[in-house]
Amino acid sequence: MRRSLDQVPTRFARVAVPVALVAALAAACSSTPLPAGPAVSSAGASAPSTTASAAVTIGTQSGAHGTYLTDGAGRALYLFMSDTATTSTCSGACATAWPPLTATGTPAVSGSATASKLGSLTRADGTVQVTYGGHPLYYFAADTAPGQTKGQGKNGFGALWWLVDPAGSAITGASPSASSGY
């Protein structure tokens, strides 16, 4: 005998709906990346993912650490001191905590960012990561909203993580979040 939805026991609905929601969110996080740039839309408080649309924009924002690079939605961008201009050394768990900014098209600039400093490299997984001033760019997963800079000065995955200034240099000033972590 089939039951209609209004006949489903309340206890089942209380368990099934949250389980289905968690499963849907897990699937979305693992297989459907969010775009970066002006079209960034974060579901809830999640950080942007590693894949970007062709409409990636590198802009700037000013805050407690000075003027730093952001994506088009105002999310802080970081560099990893272990990287080189041609190689990202952050993959696996590192790339989960520090999602790389990738693009399928040519990035644009706004604010005091400089177009001539933009570049790219091909990651080991074949995606194209945006670079600025010779540094591969990343988000920090704990930055859940535009303007947050919780990754500034973090020591994780073998090196320090810094915000990037419009000249393409690491902003290495004192940070309230310079503790070890991700």
N, C-alpha and C. Protein backbone atom coordinates (compact mmCIF):
# COMPACT_ATOMS: atom_id res chain seq x y z
N MET A 1 0.82 -1.16 0.00
CA MET A 1 0.00 0.00 0.00
C MET A 1 0.88 1.24 0.00
N ARG A 2 0.65 2.17 -0.88
CA ARG A 2 1.41 3.40 -0.97
C ARG A 2 0.76 4.47 -0.10
N ARG A 3 1.59 5.25 0.53
CA ARG A 3 1.10 6.36 1.34
C ARG A 3 1.34 7.67 0.61
N SER A 4 0.45 8.57 0.75
CA SER A 4 0.68 9.91 0.21
C SER A 4 1.58 10.65 1.19
N LEU A 5 2.15 11.78 0.75
CA LEU A 5 3.06 12.52 1.61
C LEU A 5 2.40 12.97 2.91
N ASP A 6 1.11 13.25 2.89
CA ASP A 6 0.45 13.68 4.11
C ASP A 6 0.23 12.52 5.08
N GLN A 7 0.53 11.30 4.66
CA GLN A 7 0.38 10.14 5.53
C GLN A 7 1.72 9.65 6.07
N VAL A 8 2.83 10.28 5.65
CA VAL A 8 4.15 9.87 6.12
C VAL A 8 4.25 10.23 7.60
N PRO A 9 4.68 9.29 8.42
CA PRO A 9 4.80 9.58 9.85
C PRO A 9 5.71 10.77 10.10
N THR A 10 5.35 11.60 11.05
CA THR A 10 6.12 12.80 11.38
C THR A 10 7.55 12.45 11.75
N ARG A 11 7.75 11.37 12.48
CA ARG A 11 9.09 10.95 12.89
C ARG A 11 9.96 10.71 11.66
N PHE A 12 9.44 10.05 10.66
CA PHE A 12 10.19 9.80 9.43
C PHE A 12 10.53 11.11 8.74
N ALA A 13 9.60 12.02 8.66
CA ALA A 13 9.83 13.31 8.01
C ALA A 13 10.91 14.10 8.74
N ARG A 14 10.92 14.05 10.06
CA ARG A 14 11.94 14.77 10.83
C ARG A 14 13.33 14.24 10.56
N VAL A 15 13.48 12.98 10.28
CA VAL A 15 14.78 12.37 9.99
C VAL A 15 15.11 12.46 8.51
N ALA A 16 14.15 12.15 7.66
CA ALA A 16 14.41 12.08 6.23
C ALA A 16 14.76 13.44 5.63
N VAL A 17 14.09 14.49 6.03
CA VAL A 17 14.35 15.80 5.44
C VAL A 17 15.76 16.28 5.77
N PRO A 18 16.21 16.27 7.06
CA PRO A 18 17.59 16.68 7.32
C PRO A 18 18.63 15.79 6.65
N VAL A 19 18.39 14.48 6.61
CA VAL A 19 19.33 13.57 5.95
C VAL A 19 19.40 13.89 4.46
N ALA A 20 18.27 14.11 3.84
CA ALA A 20 18.26 14.45 2.41
C ALA A 20 18.97 15.79 2.17
N LEU A 21 18.77 16.76 3.06
CA LEU A 21 19.42 18.06 2.92
C LEU A 21 20.93 17.93 3.04
N VAL A 22 21.40 17.18 4.04
CA VAL A 22 22.84 16.96 4.21
C VAL A 22 23.41 16.25 2.99
N ALA A 23 22.72 15.24 2.49
CA ALA A 23 23.21 14.52 1.31
C ALA A 23 23.27 15.45 0.10
N ALA A 24 22.28 16.29 -0.07
CA ALA A 24 22.27 17.22 -1.20
C ALA A 24 23.39 18.23 -1.08
N LEU A 25 23.63 18.76 0.13
CA LEU A 25 24.72 19.71 0.32
C LEU A 25 26.07 19.05 0.10
N ALA A 26 26.24 17.83 0.59
CA ALA A 26 27.50 17.12 0.39
C ALA A 26 27.76 16.88 -1.09
N ALA A 27 26.73 16.50 -1.80
CA ALA A 27 26.89 16.28 -3.24
C ALA A 27 27.23 17.58 -3.94
N ALA A 28 26.60 18.65 -3.55
CA ALA A 28 26.87 19.95 -4.18
C ALA A 28 28.28 20.40 -3.90
N CYS A 29 28.76 20.18 -2.69
CA CYS A 29 30.11 20.60 -2.35
C CYS A 29 31.16 19.77 -3.05
N SER A 30 30.88 18.53 -3.31
CA SER A 30 31.89 17.67 -3.91
C SER A 30 31.85 17.65 -5.42
N SER A 31 30.73 18.00 -6.02
CA SER A 31 30.69 17.86 -7.47
C SER A 31 30.18 19.08 -8.22
N THR A 32 29.64 20.05 -7.56
CA THR A 32 29.13 21.22 -8.25
C THR A 32 29.79 22.45 -7.68
N PRO A 33 30.92 22.88 -8.24
CA PRO A 33 31.63 24.01 -7.70
C PRO A 33 30.87 25.32 -7.95
N LEU A 34 31.13 26.28 -7.08
CA LEU A 34 30.55 27.59 -7.22
C LEU A 34 31.47 28.47 -8.04
N PRO A 35 30.95 29.36 -8.83
CA PRO A 35 31.80 30.25 -9.58
C PRO A 35 32.40 31.34 -8.71
N ALA A 36 33.52 31.88 -9.13
CA ALA A 36 34.12 33.02 -8.45
C ALA A 36 33.89 34.25 -9.32
N GLY A 37 34.40 35.37 -8.89
CA GLY A 37 34.20 36.59 -9.65
C GLY A 37 32.87 37.21 -9.31
N PRO A 38 32.39 38.09 -10.16
CA PRO A 38 31.16 38.80 -9.84
C PRO A 38 29.98 37.87 -9.63
N ALA A 39 30.02 36.70 -10.19
CA ALA A 39 28.89 35.78 -10.09
C ALA A 39 28.97 34.86 -8.89
N VAL A 40 29.92 35.11 -7.97
CA VAL A 40 30.05 34.23 -6.81
C VAL A 40 28.78 34.23 -6.02
N SER A 41 28.30 33.06 -5.73
CA SER A 41 27.16 32.92 -4.84
C SER A 41 27.49 31.79 -3.90
N SER A 42 27.63 32.11 -2.65
CA SER A 42 27.95 31.04 -1.71
C SER A 42 26.68 30.56 -1.08
N ALA A 43 26.51 29.28 -1.06
CA ALA A 43 25.33 28.67 -0.45
C ALA A 43 25.54 28.70 1.06
N GLY A 44 24.75 29.46 1.72
CA GLY A 44 24.90 29.59 3.16
C GLY A 44 26.21 30.27 3.48
N ALA A 45 27.00 29.67 4.34
CA ALA A 45 28.25 30.27 4.77
C ALA A 45 29.45 29.55 4.18
N SER A 46 29.27 28.83 3.10
CA SER A 46 30.40 28.09 2.55
C SER A 46 31.33 29.03 1.80
N ALA A 47 32.58 28.63 1.73
CA ALA A 47 33.57 29.40 0.99
C ALA A 47 33.44 29.07 -0.48
N PRO A 48 33.95 29.95 -1.34
CA PRO A 48 33.90 29.66 -2.77
C PRO A 48 34.70 28.41 -3.09
N SER A 49 34.33 27.77 -4.15
CA SER A 49 35.03 26.55 -4.51
C SER A 49 36.18 26.86 -5.44
N THR A 50 36.81 25.81 -5.90
CA THR A 50 38.02 25.96 -6.69
C THR A 50 37.76 26.26 -8.15
N THR A 51 36.55 26.16 -8.61
CA THR A 51 36.30 26.39 -10.02
C THR A 51 35.62 27.73 -10.22
N ALA A 52 35.99 28.39 -11.28
CA ALA A 52 35.44 29.71 -11.54
C ALA A 52 34.86 29.78 -12.93
N SER A 53 34.00 30.73 -13.12
CA SER A 53 33.46 30.98 -14.44
C SER A 53 34.45 31.84 -15.22
N ALA A 54 34.17 32.09 -16.47
CA ALA A 54 35.04 32.92 -17.29
C ALA A 54 35.03 34.36 -16.80
N ALA A 55 34.06 34.76 -16.00
CA ALA A 55 33.92 36.14 -15.55
C ALA A 55 34.63 36.39 -14.23
N VAL A 56 35.89 36.00 -14.10
CA VAL A 56 36.65 36.24 -12.88
C VAL A 56 37.16 37.67 -12.90
N THR A 57 36.92 38.38 -11.80
CA THR A 57 37.43 39.73 -11.66
C THR A 57 38.29 39.80 -10.40
N ILE A 58 39.46 40.38 -10.52
CA ILE A 58 40.33 40.62 -9.38
C ILE A 58 40.19 42.10 -9.04
N GLY A 59 39.76 42.36 -7.83
CA GLY A 59 39.58 43.73 -7.36
C GLY A 59 40.39 43.96 -6.10
N THR A 60 40.09 45.04 -5.42
CA THR A 60 40.78 45.35 -4.17
C THR A 60 39.79 45.82 -3.13
N GLN A 61 40.21 45.70 -1.89
CA GLN A 61 39.41 46.16 -0.76
C GLN A 61 40.39 46.62 0.32
N SER A 62 40.00 47.58 1.09
CA SER A 62 40.84 48.04 2.20
C SER A 62 40.26 47.57 3.51
N GLY A 63 41.16 47.23 4.43
CA GLY A 63 40.74 46.75 5.74
C GLY A 63 41.87 46.93 6.74
N ALA A 64 41.80 46.20 7.83
CA ALA A 64 42.78 46.31 8.90
C ALA A 64 44.21 46.00 8.45
N HIS A 65 44.36 45.22 7.39
CA HIS A 65 45.68 44.83 6.90
C HIS A 65 46.15 45.69 5.73
N GLY A 66 45.40 46.71 5.38
CA GLY A 66 45.73 47.56 4.25
C GLY A 66 44.84 47.21 3.06
N THR A 67 45.30 47.56 1.87
CA THR A 67 44.54 47.26 0.65
C THR A 67 45.01 45.91 0.14
N TYR A 68 44.06 45.02 -0.12
CA TYR A 68 44.39 43.65 -0.53
C TYR A 68 43.50 43.22 -1.69
N LEU A 69 43.93 42.17 -2.39
CA LEU A 69 43.18 41.65 -3.53
C LEU A 69 41.96 40.88 -3.07
N THR A 70 40.90 40.99 -3.87
CA THR A 70 39.67 40.24 -3.65
C THR A 70 39.17 39.73 -4.99
N ASP A 71 38.20 38.83 -4.93
CA ASP A 71 37.50 38.48 -6.16
C ASP A 71 36.42 39.54 -6.38
N GLY A 72 35.66 39.40 -7.42
CA GLY A 72 34.63 40.37 -7.76
C GLY A 72 33.54 40.51 -6.73
N ALA A 73 33.39 39.53 -5.84
CA ALA A 73 32.38 39.58 -4.79
C ALA A 73 32.94 40.10 -3.47
N GLY A 74 34.22 40.48 -3.46
CA GLY A 74 34.82 41.03 -2.24
C GLY A 74 35.46 40.01 -1.32
N ARG A 75 35.61 38.77 -1.78
CA ARG A 75 36.26 37.74 -0.96
C ARG A 75 37.77 37.86 -1.07
N ALA A 76 38.44 37.82 0.07
CA ALA A 76 39.90 37.97 0.14
C ALA A 76 40.61 36.87 -0.64
N LEU A 77 41.73 37.26 -1.25
CA LEU A 77 42.58 36.32 -1.97
C LEU A 77 43.96 36.29 -1.31
N TYR A 78 44.53 35.10 -1.26
CA TYR A 78 45.78 34.87 -0.54
C TYR A 78 46.83 34.25 -1.46
N LEU A 79 48.10 34.36 -1.02
CA LEU A 79 49.19 33.64 -1.65
C LEU A 79 49.78 32.69 -0.63
N PHE A 80 50.42 31.63 -1.13
CA PHE A 80 51.04 30.59 -0.30
C PHE A 80 52.54 30.68 -0.51
N MET A 81 53.28 30.89 0.57
CA MET A 81 54.72 31.12 0.45
C MET A 81 55.49 29.91 -0.09
N SER A 82 54.87 28.75 -0.14
CA SER A 82 55.52 27.56 -0.66
C SER A 82 55.45 27.47 -2.19
N ASP A 83 54.56 28.25 -2.80
CA ASP A 83 54.37 28.21 -4.26
C ASP A 83 55.47 28.95 -5.01
N THR A 84 55.55 28.66 -6.31
CA THR A 84 56.38 29.44 -7.22
C THR A 84 55.45 30.05 -8.27
N ALA A 85 55.99 30.89 -9.12
CA ALA A 85 55.19 31.54 -10.16
C ALA A 85 54.61 30.54 -11.15
N THR A 86 55.22 29.37 -11.26
CA THR A 86 54.76 28.39 -12.24
C THR A 86 54.15 27.14 -11.62
N THR A 87 54.16 27.03 -10.29
CA THR A 87 53.68 25.81 -9.65
C THR A 87 52.92 26.10 -8.37
N SER A 88 51.73 25.51 -8.27
CA SER A 88 50.98 25.52 -7.02
C SER A 88 51.36 24.26 -6.27
N THR A 89 51.73 24.41 -5.01
CA THR A 89 52.09 23.25 -4.20
C THR A 89 50.95 22.86 -3.25
N CYS A 90 49.78 23.45 -3.46
CA CYS A 90 48.63 23.20 -2.59
C CYS A 90 47.61 22.34 -3.33
N SER A 91 47.45 21.10 -2.88
CA SER A 91 46.46 20.20 -3.47
C SER A 91 45.88 19.33 -2.35
N GLY A 92 44.91 18.51 -2.68
CA GLY A 92 44.30 17.61 -1.69
C GLY A 92 43.67 18.38 -0.54
N ALA A 93 44.04 18.01 0.69
CA ALA A 93 43.48 18.66 1.88
C ALA A 93 43.82 20.15 1.90
N CYS A 94 45.00 20.48 1.41
CA CYS A 94 45.39 21.89 1.35
C CYS A 94 44.41 22.68 0.48
N ALA A 95 44.10 22.15 -0.71
CA ALA A 95 43.19 22.85 -1.62
C ALA A 95 41.75 22.86 -1.11
N THR A 96 41.42 22.00 -0.16
CA THR A 96 40.11 22.05 0.47
C THR A 96 40.06 23.22 1.45
N ALA A 97 41.11 23.39 2.23
CA ALA A 97 41.19 24.49 3.19
C ALA A 97 41.49 25.82 2.50
N TRP A 98 42.22 25.76 1.41
CA TRP A 98 42.64 26.95 0.66
C TRP A 98 42.27 26.75 -0.82
N PRO A 99 41.01 26.89 -1.18
CA PRO A 99 40.60 26.64 -2.57
C PRO A 99 41.29 27.59 -3.55
N PRO A 100 41.90 27.06 -4.59
CA PRO A 100 42.54 27.92 -5.58
C PRO A 100 41.50 28.69 -6.39
N LEU A 101 41.86 29.89 -6.81
CA LEU A 101 41.01 30.67 -7.71
C LEU A 101 41.33 30.22 -9.12
N THR A 102 40.37 29.59 -9.78
CA THR A 102 40.58 29.11 -11.14
C THR A 102 39.64 29.82 -12.09
N ALA A 103 39.97 29.75 -13.36
CA ALA A 103 39.17 30.43 -14.38
C ALA A 103 39.22 29.66 -15.68
N THR A 104 38.19 29.83 -16.48
CA THR A 104 38.18 29.23 -17.81
C THR A 104 38.34 30.30 -18.88
N GLY A 105 38.38 31.55 -18.49
CA GLY A 105 38.54 32.65 -19.43
C GLY A 105 39.58 33.62 -18.92
N THR A 106 39.64 34.78 -19.54
CA THR A 106 40.60 35.80 -19.16
C THR A 106 40.07 36.63 -18.00
N PRO A 107 40.80 36.67 -16.89
CA PRO A 107 40.36 37.48 -15.76
C PRO A 107 40.42 38.97 -16.08
N ALA A 108 39.62 39.73 -15.38
CA ALA A 108 39.60 41.18 -15.51
C ALA A 108 40.03 41.78 -14.16
N VAL A 109 40.28 43.08 -14.14
CA VAL A 109 40.65 43.75 -12.90
C VAL A 109 39.70 44.91 -12.62
N SER A 110 39.65 45.29 -11.36
CA SER A 110 38.91 46.48 -10.95
C SER A 110 39.65 47.06 -9.75
N GLY A 111 39.22 48.23 -9.29
CA GLY A 111 39.89 48.86 -8.17
C GLY A 111 41.32 49.19 -8.53
N SER A 112 42.23 48.98 -7.60
CA SER A 112 43.64 49.29 -7.86
C SER A 112 44.44 48.07 -8.29
N ALA A 113 43.75 46.99 -8.68
CA ALA A 113 44.45 45.82 -9.24
C ALA A 113 44.95 46.18 -10.64
N THR A 114 46.05 45.57 -11.05
CA THR A 114 46.70 45.89 -12.32
C THR A 114 46.63 44.70 -13.28
N ALA A 115 46.08 44.93 -14.46
CA ALA A 115 45.90 43.86 -15.45
C ALA A 115 47.22 43.20 -15.84
N SER A 116 48.30 43.97 -15.93
CA SER A 116 49.58 43.40 -16.36
C SER A 116 50.15 42.42 -15.34
N LYS A 117 49.65 42.42 -14.14
CA LYS A 117 50.12 41.49 -13.10
C LYS A 117 49.36 40.17 -13.12
N LEU A 118 48.28 40.09 -13.89
CA LEU A 118 47.49 38.86 -13.98
C LEU A 118 48.21 37.82 -14.82
N GLY A 119 48.05 36.58 -14.45
CA GLY A 119 48.60 35.47 -15.21
C GLY A 119 47.85 34.21 -14.83
N SER A 120 48.40 33.09 -15.23
CA SER A 120 47.78 31.81 -14.89
C SER A 120 48.82 30.71 -14.94
N LEU A 121 48.46 29.60 -14.34
CA LEU A 121 49.27 28.38 -14.41
C LEU A 121 48.31 27.21 -14.49
N THR A 122 48.79 26.11 -15.00
CA THR A 122 47.96 24.91 -15.07
C THR A 122 48.30 24.03 -13.89
N ARG A 123 47.28 23.72 -13.10
CA ARG A 123 47.45 22.87 -11.91
C ARG A 123 47.60 21.41 -12.33
N ALA A 124 48.04 20.59 -11.41
CA ALA A 124 48.22 19.16 -11.68
C ALA A 124 46.93 18.49 -12.13
N ASP A 125 45.77 19.00 -11.69
CA ASP A 125 44.49 18.42 -12.10
C ASP A 125 43.98 18.96 -13.43
N GLY A 126 44.77 19.82 -14.08
CA GLY A 126 44.41 20.36 -15.39
C GLY A 126 43.63 21.66 -15.36
N THR A 127 43.22 22.12 -14.17
CA THR A 127 42.51 23.40 -14.10
C THR A 127 43.51 24.54 -14.21
N VAL A 128 43.02 25.69 -14.62
CA VAL A 128 43.86 26.87 -14.78
C VAL A 128 43.66 27.77 -13.56
N GLN A 129 44.74 28.00 -12.83
CA GLN A 129 44.68 28.83 -11.63
C GLN A 129 45.15 30.24 -11.96
N VAL A 130 44.44 31.22 -11.44
CA VAL A 130 44.78 32.62 -11.65
C VAL A 130 45.97 32.98 -10.77
N THR A 131 46.92 33.71 -11.36
CA THR A 131 48.07 34.22 -10.60
C THR A 131 48.04 35.75 -10.67
N TYR A 132 48.71 36.36 -9.72
CA TYR A 132 48.82 37.82 -9.70
C TYR A 132 50.22 38.14 -9.19
N GLY A 133 50.97 38.90 -9.96
CA GLY A 133 52.33 39.23 -9.57
C GLY A 133 53.20 37.99 -9.40
N GLY A 134 52.88 36.93 -10.14
CA GLY A 134 53.64 35.69 -10.06
C GLY A 134 53.24 34.76 -8.92
N HIS A 135 52.14 35.07 -8.24
CA HIS A 135 51.68 34.24 -7.13
C HIS A 135 50.34 33.59 -7.45
N PRO A 136 50.23 32.25 -7.36
CA PRO A 136 48.92 31.62 -7.49
C PRO A 136 48.00 32.16 -6.38
N LEU A 137 46.73 32.39 -6.71
CA LEU A 137 45.78 32.97 -5.76
C LEU A 137 44.84 31.92 -5.19
N TYR A 138 44.49 32.10 -3.91
CA TYR A 138 43.63 31.17 -3.18
C TYR A 138 42.63 31.93 -2.32
N TYR A 139 41.55 31.24 -2.00
CA TYR A 139 40.62 31.68 -0.96
C TYR A 139 41.01 30.95 0.32
N PHE A 140 40.41 31.36 1.45
CA PHE A 140 40.54 30.61 2.71
C PHE A 140 39.14 30.14 3.07
N ALA A 141 38.97 28.84 3.28
CA ALA A 141 37.65 28.25 3.51
C ALA A 141 36.94 28.86 4.72
N ALA A 142 37.68 29.32 5.72
CA ALA A 142 37.04 29.90 6.91
C ALA A 142 36.56 31.33 6.69
N ASP A 143 36.95 31.96 5.59
CA ASP A 143 36.41 33.27 5.22
C ASP A 143 35.05 33.00 4.58
N THR A 144 34.00 33.21 5.32
CA THR A 144 32.67 32.84 4.84
C THR A 144 31.87 34.00 4.29
N ALA A 145 32.45 35.20 4.28
CA ALA A 145 31.74 36.36 3.76
C ALA A 145 32.74 37.37 3.21
N PRO A 146 32.32 38.19 2.29
CA PRO A 146 33.20 39.23 1.77
C PRO A 146 33.75 40.09 2.92
N GLY A 147 35.01 40.49 2.79
CA GLY A 147 35.64 41.33 3.80
C GLY A 147 36.34 40.58 4.91
N GLN A 148 36.10 39.28 5.03
CA GLN A 148 36.79 38.51 6.07
C GLN A 148 38.20 38.16 5.63
N THR A 149 39.14 38.20 6.58
CA THR A 149 40.55 37.90 6.29
C THR A 149 41.12 36.97 7.36
N LYS A 150 40.38 35.94 7.71
CA LYS A 150 40.78 35.02 8.77
C LYS A 150 42.03 34.22 8.41
N GLY A 151 42.38 34.14 7.14
CA GLY A 151 43.55 33.38 6.72
C GLY A 151 44.85 34.15 6.81
N GLN A 152 44.79 35.44 7.04
CA GLN A 152 45.99 36.28 7.06
C GLN A 152 46.99 35.79 8.11
N GLY A 153 48.20 35.46 7.64
CA GLY A 153 49.27 35.04 8.53
C GLY A 153 49.18 33.61 9.02
N LYS A 154 48.24 32.82 8.51
CA LYS A 154 48.12 31.43 8.95
C LYS A 154 49.36 30.65 8.52
N ASN A 155 49.76 29.73 9.37
CA ASN A 155 50.86 28.83 9.06
C ASN A 155 50.25 27.45 8.89
N GLY A 156 50.17 26.98 7.67
CA GLY A 156 49.57 25.69 7.44
C GLY A 156 50.04 25.06 6.14
N PHE A 157 50.10 23.76 6.13
CA PHE A 157 50.53 22.97 4.98
C PHE A 157 51.96 23.32 4.58
N GLY A 158 52.77 23.65 5.57
CA GLY A 158 54.20 23.81 5.34
C GLY A 158 54.69 25.22 5.10
N ALA A 159 53.82 26.21 5.10
CA ALA A 159 54.27 27.58 4.87
C ALA A 159 53.19 28.57 5.33
N LEU A 160 53.54 29.84 5.24
CA LEU A 160 52.61 30.90 5.63
C LEU A 160 51.72 31.32 4.48
N TRP A 161 50.54 31.82 4.85
CA TRP A 161 49.55 32.33 3.90
C TRP A 161 49.36 33.82 4.17
N TRP A 162 49.41 34.62 3.10
CA TRP A 162 49.29 36.07 3.25
C TRP A 162 48.30 36.64 2.25
N LEU A 163 47.67 37.73 2.66
CA LEU A 163 46.90 38.53 1.71
C LEU A 163 47.87 39.11 0.70
N VAL A 164 47.35 39.50 -0.46
CA VAL A 164 48.18 40.03 -1.54
C VAL A 164 47.82 41.49 -1.75
N ASP A 165 48.83 42.36 -1.81
CA ASP A 165 48.56 43.78 -2.06
C ASP A 165 48.46 44.04 -3.57
N PRO A 166 47.98 45.21 -3.98
CA PRO A 166 47.82 45.50 -5.41
C PRO A 166 49.13 45.48 -6.21
N ALA A 167 50.27 45.59 -5.52
CA ALA A 167 51.56 45.51 -6.21
C ALA A 167 51.96 44.05 -6.47
N GLY A 168 51.23 43.10 -5.88
CA GLY A 168 51.52 41.69 -6.07
C GLY A 168 52.40 41.10 -4.99
N SER A 169 52.57 41.83 -3.90
CA SER A 169 53.42 41.36 -2.79
C SER A 169 52.56 40.86 -1.63
N ALA A 170 53.18 40.02 -0.81
CA ALA A 170 52.51 39.52 0.38
C ALA A 170 52.39 40.65 1.40
N ILE A 171 51.24 40.74 2.04
CA ILE A 171 51.04 41.67 3.15
C ILE A 171 51.41 40.88 4.40
N THR A 172 52.60 41.14 4.93
CA THR A 172 53.12 40.31 6.02
C THR A 172 53.05 40.99 7.37
N GLY A 173 52.29 42.05 7.50
CA GLY A 173 52.16 42.74 8.77
C GLY A 173 51.54 41.85 9.83
N ALA A 174 51.63 42.31 11.06
CA ALA A 174 51.06 41.57 12.18
C ALA A 174 49.61 41.25 11.93
N SER A 175 49.20 40.10 12.40
CA SER A 175 47.84 39.65 12.17
C SER A 175 47.26 39.06 13.42
N PRO A 176 46.00 39.36 13.71
CA PRO A 176 45.37 38.73 14.86
C PRO A 176 45.12 37.24 14.65
N SER A 177 45.24 36.74 13.43
CA SER A 177 44.96 35.33 13.16
C SER A 177 46.20 34.58 12.71
N ALA A 178 47.37 34.98 13.20
CA ALA A 178 48.62 34.37 12.75
C ALA A 178 48.92 33.05 13.44
N SER A 179 47.95 32.44 14.06
CA SER A 179 48.18 31.17 14.73
C SER A 179 48.26 30.02 13.73
N SER A 180 48.78 28.93 14.20
CA SER A 180 48.84 27.74 13.34
C SER A 180 47.43 27.26 13.05
N GLY A 181 47.26 26.58 12.00
CA GLY A 181 45.95 26.06 11.61
C GLY A 181 46.00 25.67 10.17
N TYR A 182 44.89 25.38 9.61
CA TYR A 182 44.81 24.97 8.21
C TYR A 182 46.11 25.28 7.55
